[in-house]
Amino acid sequence: MEEKDEPSKKIEPEEEKKREIDLNVLFPPKGYDLNRLFPDEGTKKLLYELRRNKRDIDRFIKSLRVEEE
């Protein structure tokens, strides 16, 4: 069983590397090079997830407002 788990773990990081996160595109330009300020891939992924979660929360709140009316 352990041998089957290892190859699947190797595939996931390769897929993540293919999709590089560009923070300057993700967040509107503020006069800073966000990719240079946050070079760590873990931090970039965290910021990407935060942005995505905020978008999902905003959609949820909008759906609640529609139901109230």
PDB file of N, CA and C in Angstrom:
ATOM      1  N   MET A   1       0.813  -1.202   0.000  1.00  0.00           N
ATOM      2  CA  MET A   1       0.000   0.000   0.000  1.00  0.00           C
ATOM      3  C   MET A   1       0.855   1.264   0.000  1.00  0.00           C
ATOM      4  N   GLU A   2       1.952   1.243   0.699  1.00  0.00           N
ATOM      5  CA  GLU A   2       2.795   2.439   0.789  1.00  0.00           C
ATOM      6  C   GLU A   2       3.367   2.820  -0.568  1.00  0.00           C
ATOM      7  N   GLU A   3       3.674   1.832  -1.402  1.00  0.00           N
ATOM      8  CA  GLU A   3       4.241   2.128  -2.706  1.00  0.00           C
ATOM      9  C   GLU A   3       3.234   2.849  -3.597  1.00  0.00           C
ATOM     10  N   LYS A   4       1.954   2.552  -3.459  1.00  0.00           N
ATOM     11  CA  LYS A   4       0.933   3.205  -4.271  1.00  0.00           C
ATOM     12  C   LYS A   4       0.747   4.654  -3.870  1.00  0.00           C
ATOM     13  N   ASP A   5       0.926   4.976  -2.597  1.00  0.00           N
ATOM     14  CA  ASP A   5       0.749   6.348  -2.129  1.00  0.00           C
ATOM     15  C   ASP A   5       1.859   7.272  -2.619  1.00  0.00           C
ATOM     16  N   GLU A   6       3.070   6.778  -2.705  1.00  0.00           N
ATOM     17  CA  GLU A   6       4.206   7.612  -3.071  1.00  0.00           C
ATOM     18  C   GLU A   6       4.120   8.181  -4.481  1.00  0.00           C
ATOM     19  N   PRO A   7       3.786   7.392  -5.513  1.00  0.00           N
ATOM     20  CA  PRO A   7       3.705   7.989  -6.854  1.00  0.00           C
ATOM     21  C   PRO A   7       2.646   9.074  -6.968  1.00  0.00           C
ATOM     22  N   SER A   8       1.518   8.933  -6.298  1.00  0.00           N
ATOM     23  CA  SER A   8       0.484   9.956  -6.386  1.00  0.00           C
ATOM     24  C   SER A   8       0.953  11.259  -5.746  1.00  0.00           C
ATOM     25  N   LYS A   9       1.766  11.178  -4.709  1.00  0.00           N
ATOM     26  CA  LYS A   9       2.303  12.383  -4.076  1.00  0.00           C
ATOM     27  C   LYS A   9       3.270  13.098  -4.999  1.00  0.00           C
ATOM     28  N   LYS A  10       3.985  12.369  -5.828  1.00  0.00           N
ATOM     29  CA  LYS A  10       4.946  12.979  -6.742  1.00  0.00           C
ATOM     30  C   LYS A  10       4.246  13.724  -7.866  1.00  0.00           C
ATOM     31  N   ILE A  11       3.092  13.277  -8.271  1.00  0.00           N
ATOM     32  CA  ILE A  11       2.361  13.904  -9.373  1.00  0.00           C
ATOM     33  C   ILE A  11       1.787  15.250  -8.952  1.00  0.00           C
ATOM     34  N   GLU A  12       1.253  15.358  -7.748  1.00  0.00           N
ATOM     35  CA  GLU A  12       0.604  16.586  -7.298  1.00  0.00           C
ATOM     36  C   GLU A  12       1.530  17.805  -7.307  1.00  0.00           C
ATOM     37  N   PRO A  13       2.744  17.728  -6.752  1.00  0.00           N
ATOM     38  CA  PRO A  13       3.613  18.920  -6.797  1.00  0.00           C
ATOM     39  C   PRO A  13       3.973  19.343  -8.211  1.00  0.00           C
ATOM     40  N   GLU A  14       4.103  18.389  -9.136  1.00  0.00           N
ATOM     41  CA  GLU A  14       4.419  18.744 -10.517  1.00  0.00           C
ATOM     42  C   GLU A  14       3.276  19.525 -11.145  1.00  0.00           C
ATOM     43  N   GLU A  15       2.035  19.149 -10.833  1.00  0.00           N
ATOM     44  CA  GLU A  15       0.883  19.861 -11.369  1.00  0.00           C
ATOM     45  C   GLU A  15       0.802  21.273 -10.811  1.00  0.00           C
ATOM     46  N   GLU A  16       1.155  21.447  -9.531  1.00  0.00           N
ATOM     47  CA  GLU A  16       1.129  22.770  -8.920  1.00  0.00           C
ATOM     48  C   GLU A  16       2.178  23.676  -9.543  1.00  0.00           C
ATOM     49  N   LYS A  17       3.332  23.140  -9.905  1.00  0.00           N
ATOM     50  CA  LYS A  17       4.392  23.948 -10.494  1.00  0.00           C
ATOM     51  C   LYS A  17       3.973  24.477 -11.863  1.00  0.00           C
ATOM     52  N   LYS A  18       3.159  23.716 -12.585  1.00  0.00           N
ATOM     53  CA  LYS A  18       2.718  24.135 -13.905  1.00  0.00           C
ATOM     54  C   LYS A  18       1.875  25.401 -13.830  1.00  0.00           C
ATOM     55  N   ARG A  19       1.102  25.528 -12.761  1.00  0.00           N
ATOM     56  CA  ARG A  19       0.214  26.678 -12.609  1.00  0.00           C
ATOM     57  C   ARG A  19       0.847  27.648 -11.612  1.00  0.00           C
ATOM     58  N   GLU A  20       1.688  28.528 -12.114  1.00  0.00           N
ATOM     59  CA  GLU A  20       2.353  29.502 -11.256  1.00  0.00           C
ATOM     60  C   GLU A  20       1.382  30.645 -10.954  1.00  0.00           C
ATOM     61  N   ILE A  21       1.348  31.044  -9.710  1.00  0.00           N
ATOM     62  CA  ILE A  21       0.435  32.098  -9.277  1.00  0.00           C
ATOM     63  C   ILE A  21       1.111  33.452  -9.457  1.00  0.00           C
ATOM     64  N   ASP A  22       0.462  34.339 -10.195  1.00  0.00           N
ATOM     65  CA  ASP A  22       0.967  35.697 -10.407  1.00  0.00           C
ATOM     66  C   ASP A  22       0.150  36.632  -9.525  1.00  0.00           C
ATOM     67  N   LEU A  23       0.751  37.069  -8.434  1.00  0.00           N
ATOM     68  CA  LEU A  23       0.046  37.918  -7.477  1.00  0.00           C
ATOM     69  C   LEU A  23      -0.303  39.281  -8.055  1.00  0.00           C
ATOM     70  N   ASN A  24       0.501  39.767  -8.995  1.00  0.00           N
ATOM     71  CA  ASN A  24       0.221  41.069  -9.606  1.00  0.00           C
ATOM     72  C   ASN A  24      -1.055  41.035 -10.441  1.00  0.00           C
ATOM     73  N   VAL A  25      -1.406  39.870 -10.971  1.00  0.00           N
ATOM     74  CA  VAL A  25      -2.640  39.718 -11.729  1.00  0.00           C
ATOM     75  C   VAL A  25      -3.803  39.473 -10.766  1.00  0.00           C
ATOM     76  N   LEU A  26      -3.535  38.711  -9.723  1.00  0.00           N
ATOM     77  CA  LEU A  26      -4.567  38.346  -8.761  1.00  0.00           C
ATOM     78  C   LEU A  26      -5.099  39.552  -7.999  1.00  0.00           C
ATOM     79  N   PHE A  27      -4.206  40.451  -7.619  1.00  0.00           N
ATOM     80  CA  PHE A  27      -4.585  41.661  -6.894  1.00  0.00           C
ATOM     81  C   PHE A  27      -4.288  42.870  -7.779  1.00  0.00           C
ATOM     82  N   PRO A  28      -5.195  43.827  -7.824  1.00  0.00           N
ATOM     83  CA  PRO A  28      -4.967  45.008  -8.667  1.00  0.00           C
ATOM     84  C   PRO A  28      -3.648  45.701  -8.305  1.00  0.00           C
ATOM     85  N   PRO A  29      -3.006  46.291  -9.300  1.00  0.00           N
ATOM     86  CA  PRO A  29      -1.707  46.943  -9.052  1.00  0.00           C
ATOM     87  C   PRO A  29      -1.794  48.023  -7.985  1.00  0.00           C
ATOM     88  N   LYS A  30      -0.889  47.942  -7.029  1.00  0.00           N
ATOM     89  CA  LYS A  30      -0.832  48.924  -5.940  1.00  0.00           C
ATOM     90  C   LYS A  30       0.495  49.676  -5.957  1.00  0.00           C
ATOM     91  N   GLY A  31       1.264  49.500  -7.022  1.00  0.00           N
ATOM     92  CA  GLY A  31       2.559  50.160  -7.083  1.00  0.00           C
ATOM     93  C   GLY A  31       3.681  49.302  -6.522  1.00  0.00           C
ATOM     94  N   TYR A  32       3.354  48.083  -6.140  1.00  0.00           N
ATOM     95  CA  TYR A  32       4.349  47.155  -5.613  1.00  0.00           C
ATOM     96  C   TYR A  32       4.426  45.935  -6.520  1.00  0.00           C
ATOM     97  N   ASP A  33       5.597  45.332  -6.587  1.00  0.00           N
ATOM     98  CA  ASP A  33       5.746  44.053  -7.273  1.00  0.00           C
ATOM     99  C   ASP A  33       5.476  42.965  -6.244  1.00  0.00           C
ATOM    100  N   LEU A  34       4.245  42.492  -6.195  1.00  0.00           N
ATOM    101  CA  LEU A  34       3.844  41.524  -5.180  1.00  0.00           C
ATOM    102  C   LEU A  34       4.580  40.201  -5.307  1.00  0.00           C
ATOM    103  N   ASN A  35       4.941  39.829  -6.532  1.00  0.00           N
ATOM    104  CA  ASN A  35       5.692  38.590  -6.720  1.00  0.00           C
ATOM    105  C   ASN A  35       7.082  38.688  -6.091  1.00  0.00           C
ATOM    106  N   ARG A  36       7.643  39.874  -6.098  1.00  0.00           N
ATOM    107  CA  ARG A  36       8.961  40.064  -5.487  1.00  0.00           C
ATOM    108  C   ARG A  36       8.838  40.160  -3.967  1.00  0.00           C
ATOM    109  N   LEU A  37       7.753  40.770  -3.483  1.00  0.00           N
ATOM    110  CA  LEU A  37       7.545  40.878  -2.042  1.00  0.00           C
ATOM    111  C   LEU A  37       7.250  39.521  -1.400  1.00  0.00           C
ATOM    112  N   PHE A  38       6.565  38.658  -2.139  1.00  0.00           N
ATOM    113  CA  PHE A  38       6.190  37.340  -1.631  1.00  0.00           C
ATOM    114  C   PHE A  38       6.704  36.256  -2.580  1.00  0.00           C
ATOM    115  N   PRO A  39       8.008  35.982  -2.567  1.00  0.00           N
ATOM    116  CA  PRO A  39       8.563  35.011  -3.513  1.00  0.00           C
ATOM    117  C   PRO A  39       8.249  33.550  -3.147  1.00  0.00           C
ATOM    118  N   ASP A  40       7.899  33.296  -1.899  1.00  0.00           N
ATOM    119  CA  ASP A  40       7.651  31.933  -1.444  1.00  0.00           C
ATOM    120  C   ASP A  40       6.365  31.384  -2.066  1.00  0.00           C
ATOM    121  N   GLU A  41       6.447  30.197  -2.655  1.00  0.00           N
ATOM    122  CA  GLU A  41       5.281  29.594  -3.304  1.00  0.00           C
ATOM    123  C   GLU A  41       4.172  29.291  -2.299  1.00  0.00           C
ATOM    124  N   GLY A  42       4.528  28.941  -1.077  1.00  0.00           N
ATOM    125  CA  GLY A  42       3.520  28.673  -0.050  1.00  0.00           C
ATOM    126  C   GLY A  42       2.718  29.913   0.278  1.00  0.00           C
ATOM    127  N   THR A  43       3.387  31.053   0.347  1.00  0.00           N
ATOM    128  CA  THR A  43       2.698  32.316   0.621  1.00  0.00           C
ATOM    129  C   THR A  43       1.805  32.701  -0.552  1.00  0.00           C
ATOM    130  N   LYS A  44       2.299  32.501  -1.764  1.00  0.00           N
ATOM    131  CA  LYS A  44       1.499  32.803  -2.949  1.00  0.00           C
ATOM    132  C   LYS A  44       0.237  31.949  -2.972  1.00  0.00           C
ATOM    133  N   LYS A  45       0.388  30.681  -2.636  1.00  0.00           N
ATOM    134  CA  LYS A  45      -0.765  29.784  -2.630  1.00  0.00           C
ATOM    135  C   LYS A  45      -1.756  30.205  -1.547  1.00  0.00           C
ATOM    136  N   LEU A  46      -1.244  30.598  -0.382  1.00  0.00           N
ATOM    137  CA  LEU A  46      -2.117  31.059   0.705  1.00  0.00           C
ATOM    138  C   LEU A  46      -2.908  32.294   0.281  1.00  0.00           C
ATOM    139  N   LEU A  47      -2.249  33.261  -0.333  1.00  0.00           N
ATOM    140  CA  LEU A  47      -2.929  34.473  -0.788  1.00  0.00           C
ATOM    141  C   LEU A  47      -3.957  34.160  -1.876  1.00  0.00           C
ATOM    142  N   TYR A  48      -3.632  33.210  -2.748  1.00  0.00           N
ATOM    143  CA  TYR A  48      -4.574  32.797  -3.787  1.00  0.00           C
ATOM    144  C   TYR A  48      -5.820  32.179  -3.159  1.00  0.00           C
ATOM    145  N   GLU A  49      -5.616  31.314  -2.171  1.00  0.00           N
ATOM    146  CA  GLU A  49      -6.744  30.670  -1.494  1.00  0.00           C
ATOM    147  C   GLU A  49      -7.592  31.695  -0.745  1.00  0.00           C
ATOM    148  N   LEU A  50      -6.946  32.670  -0.106  1.00  0.00           N
ATOM    149  CA  LEU A  50      -7.688  33.717   0.590  1.00  0.00           C
ATOM    150  C   LEU A  50      -8.564  34.509  -0.378  1.00  0.00           C
ATOM    151  N   ARG A  51      -8.006  34.835  -1.524  1.00  0.00           N
ATOM    152  CA  ARG A  51      -8.751  35.590  -2.541  1.00  0.00           C
ATOM    153  C   ARG A  51      -9.953  34.776  -3.030  1.00  0.00           C
ATOM    154  N   ARG A  52      -9.722  33.482  -3.260  1.00  0.00           N
ATOM    155  CA  ARG A  52     -10.798  32.615  -3.727  1.00  0.00           C
ATOM    156  C   ARG A  52     -11.884  32.459  -2.661  1.00  0.00           C
ATOM    157  N   ASN A  53     -11.469  32.302  -1.412  1.00  0.00           N
ATOM    158  CA  ASN A  53     -12.442  32.170  -0.321  1.00  0.00           C
ATOM    159  C   ASN A  53     -13.261  33.447  -0.162  1.00  0.00           C
ATOM    160  N   LYS A  54     -12.625  34.601  -0.297  1.00  0.00           N
ATOM    161  CA  LYS A  54     -13.342  35.868  -0.186  1.00  0.00           C
ATOM    162  C   LYS A  54     -14.392  35.979  -1.283  1.00  0.00           C
ATOM    163  N   ARG A  55     -14.040  35.570  -2.474  1.00  0.00           N
ATOM    164  CA  ARG A  55     -14.982  35.606  -3.586  1.00  0.00           C
ATOM    165  C   ARG A  55     -16.179  34.691  -3.309  1.00  0.00           C
ATOM    166  N   ASP A  56     -15.909  33.495  -2.786  1.00  0.00           N
ATOM    167  CA  ASP A  56     -16.988  32.558  -2.459  1.00  0.00           C
ATOM    168  C   ASP A  56     -17.892  33.108  -1.350  1.00  0.00           C
ATOM    169  N   ILE A  57     -17.304  33.751  -0.364  1.00  0.00           N
ATOM    170  CA  ILE A  57     -18.082  34.334   0.735  1.00  0.00           C
ATOM    171  C   ILE A  57     -18.942  35.477   0.215  1.00  0.00           C
ATOM    172  N   ASP A  58     -18.385  36.310  -0.658  1.00  0.00           N
ATOM    173  CA  ASP A  58     -19.161  37.406  -1.241  1.00  0.00           C
ATOM    174  C   ASP A  58     -20.357  36.880  -2.035  1.00  0.00           C
ATOM    175  N   ARG A  59     -20.151  35.818  -2.785  1.00  0.00           N
ATOM    176  CA  ARG A  59     -21.261  35.216  -3.537  1.00  0.00           C
ATOM    177  C   ARG A  59     -22.335  34.695  -2.588  1.00  0.00           C
ATOM    178  N   PHE A  60     -21.917  34.071  -1.502  1.00  0.00           N
ATOM    179  CA  PHE A  60     -22.860  33.533  -0.528  1.00  0.00           C
ATOM    180  C   PHE A  60     -23.688  34.657   0.091  1.00  0.00           C
ATOM    181  N   ILE A  61     -23.036  35.761   0.456  1.00  0.00           N
ATOM    182  CA  ILE A  61     -23.737  36.898   1.052  1.00  0.00           C
ATOM    183  C   ILE A  61     -24.724  37.495   0.059  1.00  0.00           C
ATOM    184  N   LYS A  62     -24.337  37.599  -1.214  1.00  0.00           N
ATOM    185  CA  LYS A  62     -25.251  38.124  -2.229  1.00  0.00           C
ATOM    186  C   LYS A  62     -26.469  37.229  -2.382  1.00  0.00           C
ATOM    187  N   SER A  63     -26.270  35.918  -2.299  1.00  0.00           N
ATOM    188  CA  SER A  63     -27.406  35.002  -2.422  1.00  0.00           C
ATOM    189  C   SER A  63     -28.352  35.150  -1.234  1.00  0.00           C
ATOM    190  N   LEU A  64     -27.822  35.462  -0.067  1.00  0.00           N
ATOM    191  CA  LEU A  64     -28.674  35.683   1.101  1.00  0.00           C
ATOM    192  C   LEU A  64     -29.495  36.954   0.938  1.00  0.00           C
ATOM    193  N   ARG A  65     -28.899  37.985   0.394  1.00  0.00           N
ATOM    194  CA  ARG A  65     -29.601  39.255   0.183  1.00  0.00           C
ATOM    195  C   ARG A  65     -30.743  39.097  -0.810  1.00  0.00           C
ATOM    196  N   VAL A  66     -30.546  38.299  -1.827  1.00  0.00           N
ATOM    197  CA  VAL A  66     -31.578  38.072  -2.840  1.00  0.00           C
ATOM    198  C   VAL A  66     -32.757  37.343  -2.193  1.00  0.00           C
ATOM    199  N   GLU A  67     -32.481  36.377  -1.353  1.00  0.00           N
ATOM    200  CA  GLU A  67     -33.560  35.625  -0.705  1.00  0.00           C
ATOM    201  C   GLU A  67     -34.340  36.486   0.272  1.00  0.00           C
ATOM    202  N   GLU A  68     -33.686  37.453   0.923  1.00  0.00           N
ATOM    203  CA  GLU A  68     -34.353  38.330   1.885  1.00  0.00           C
ATOM    204  C   GLU A  68     -35.355  39.246   1.199  1.00  0.00           C
ATOM    205  N   GLU A  69     -35.040  39.680  -0.009  1.00  0.00           N
ATOM    206  CA  GLU A  69     -35.917  40.606  -0.747  1.00  0.00           C
ATOM    207  C   GLU A  69     -37.091  39.876  -1.253  1.00  0.00           C
TER     208      GLU A  69
END
